[in-house]
Amino acid sequence: PADKVSQKDYDYLRGVLEEVLETDQEPRLTGAPWPEILKQDSINLEIVVTILEEYGWIDSSKIGSKAASGIFFVIQHADLEYQEKYY
């Protein structure tokens, strides 16, 4: 449960989610082919959904704004089903 999460856990999640943000944005900013973007979106969604199912939506005060943006962008780029579930 989120109330039993240690700072060490949040630090780990920060690292994972900052990497997710980078792999979400980099292909878009460099003009990667759409199939490559969709494949990375799928990978990132799996990571983020796993985190959200275990910890819930994590406040940026706990993981930092860059990591929180990683969650936001992945859900924004997901199908409507995920957007509705997590927004």
Protein backbone atom coordinates (compact mmCIF):
# COMPACT_ATOMS: atom_id res chain seq x y z
CA PRO A 1 0.00 0.00 0.00
CA ALA A 2 1.06 3.56 -0.71
CA ASP A 3 1.13 4.43 3.03
CA LYS A 4 3.98 1.93 3.56
CA VAL A 5 6.23 3.19 0.76
CA SER A 6 9.74 4.16 1.86
CA GLN A 7 11.86 6.98 0.50
CA LYS A 8 14.10 4.32 -1.02
CA ASP A 9 11.08 3.00 -2.95
CA TYR A 10 10.22 6.49 -4.16
CA ASP A 11 13.83 7.04 -5.24
CA TYR A 12 13.72 3.81 -7.23
CA LEU A 13 10.37 4.74 -8.79
CA ARG A 14 11.75 8.19 -9.66
CA GLY A 15 14.57 6.58 -11.64
CA VAL A 16 12.27 4.18 -13.47
CA LEU A 17 9.73 6.86 -14.32
CA GLU A 18 12.33 9.39 -15.46
CA GLU A 19 13.62 6.74 -17.88
CA VAL A 20 10.04 6.10 -19.00
CA LEU A 21 9.65 9.83 -19.72
CA GLU A 22 12.83 9.84 -21.79
CA THR A 23 11.79 6.80 -23.82
CA ASP A 24 8.35 8.33 -24.32
CA GLN A 25 9.57 11.71 -25.55
CA GLU A 26 12.82 10.95 -27.38
CA PRO A 27 11.27 9.06 -30.33
CA ARG A 28 8.65 11.77 -30.77
CA LEU A 29 11.19 14.59 -30.68
CA THR A 30 13.54 12.87 -33.14
CA GLY A 31 10.82 11.90 -35.59
CA ALA A 32 11.07 8.14 -35.14
CA PRO A 33 8.77 6.00 -37.30
CA TRP A 34 5.26 5.63 -35.88
CA PRO A 35 5.52 1.81 -35.39
CA GLU A 36 8.62 2.37 -33.23
CA ILE A 37 6.78 4.98 -31.15
CA LEU A 38 3.78 2.68 -30.69
CA LYS A 39 6.02 -0.20 -29.60
CA GLN A 40 7.73 1.99 -26.99
CA ASP A 41 4.36 3.34 -25.84
CA SER A 42 3.24 -0.25 -25.22
CA ILE A 43 6.36 -1.04 -23.18
CA ASN A 44 6.03 2.16 -21.17
CA LEU A 45 2.33 1.58 -20.53
CA GLU A 46 3.06 -1.85 -19.07
CA ILE A 47 5.64 -0.33 -16.70
CA VAL A 48 3.40 2.54 -15.63
CA VAL A 49 0.28 0.41 -15.14
CA THR A 50 2.28 -1.99 -12.96
CA ILE A 51 3.43 0.93 -10.82
CA LEU A 52 -0.02 2.52 -10.64
CA GLU A 53 -1.67 -0.76 -9.67
CA GLU A 54 0.77 -1.17 -6.79
CA TYR A 55 1.21 2.43 -5.59
CA GLY A 56 -1.70 4.40 -7.03
CA TRP A 57 -1.14 7.78 -8.65
CA ILE A 58 2.05 9.07 -7.04
CA ASP A 59 2.23 12.74 -6.13
CA SER A 60 5.07 14.68 -7.72
CA SER A 61 6.20 15.77 -4.23
CA LYS A 62 7.27 12.16 -3.63
CA ILE A 63 8.95 11.35 -6.98
CA GLY A 64 9.71 14.73 -8.58
CA SER A 65 8.07 16.51 -11.49
CA LYS A 66 10.05 14.72 -14.22
CA ALA A 67 8.99 11.28 -12.98
CA ALA A 68 5.39 12.45 -12.49
CA SER A 69 5.44 13.74 -16.06
CA GLY A 70 6.50 10.27 -17.15
CA ILE A 71 3.28 8.84 -15.69
CA PHE A 72 1.18 11.61 -17.21
CA PHE A 73 2.58 11.35 -20.74
CA VAL A 74 2.35 7.57 -20.86
CA ILE A 75 -1.31 7.67 -19.83
CA GLN A 76 -1.94 10.56 -22.24
CA HIS A 77 -0.54 8.45 -25.09
CA ALA A 78 -2.52 5.35 -24.09
CA ASP A 79 -5.90 4.18 -25.33
CA LEU A 80 -9.00 5.90 -24.01
CA GLU A 81 -9.64 2.96 -21.67
CA TYR A 82 -6.43 3.74 -19.72
CA GLN A 83 -6.98 7.49 -19.87
CA GLU A 84 -10.41 7.15 -18.32
CA LYS A 85 -9.19 4.69 -15.68
CA TYR A 86 -6.27 6.83 -14.47
CA TYR A 87 -7.45 10.40 -15.03
